[in-house]
């Protein structure tokens, strides 16, 4: 007996019904406890087909520079039993969403917060986690599950803007994000944020140039870092940098 048997929607009848009849007739045991029949994938509104030249494998997308995490996010954005229309525009959007989610977690990890606890914020975090679990229990409704994650991020961003996030809230929210990600697998490993010595030196030189009102040199260093995929951000907690 299989716990889960998956396949395309086109195999539901007669292929899978034949499997059930043959296996259960021979063994007198339940063939599969749970069946997952996935809808077909469309590409730019058309059925994926080698003859149409719109057939992409996972390796093809990786070779084009897309990340496995963004591909996963895009596939999760529509429940398995509904049809997903794949476009490179939506995959680009998934890459941007993943970057924003990871940046959210990194900012929360680094933020200078007051001691204490905001019980209202933690209760809302619990609610969104419950919403997430309810969606996954509802025939793996991943689109609603992702919405619960984004609701949590939005709530925390609003609380951060109003300076009502405390140290205990950070620990609670990061732990909640881990619970989301144990299922979704889209955040990846938490960044240790160890600065490369060369980048530190350039940032220090840029700050010195700005203090001396040497804005030409400051802009030159900013552009150099940008070419290396380093983005600088001025925040109330000081200068931050991140890779893109």
Foldseek 3Di string as FASTA:
>chain_A
DAAEDEEAPVCPPPNVVVVQCVVCVVVVDGPYNYYHHFYAEAEPNHGADVVVVRHDDPVNVVVVPQDPLLVLVQVLLAARHDYYYDYVVSSVVSVVVLVVVLVLLLCLVPDDAAADADVVLLVLLVVLLVQLVVCCVVNHGSNSNVVSVVVNSVSVVVCVVVRNHHPVNSVSNVVSVVVSCVPSVNNPDRDPPDDDPVLVVLVVVLVVCVVVVVVVSNVVSQVVCVVVQKHWDQDPVGIDIDGD
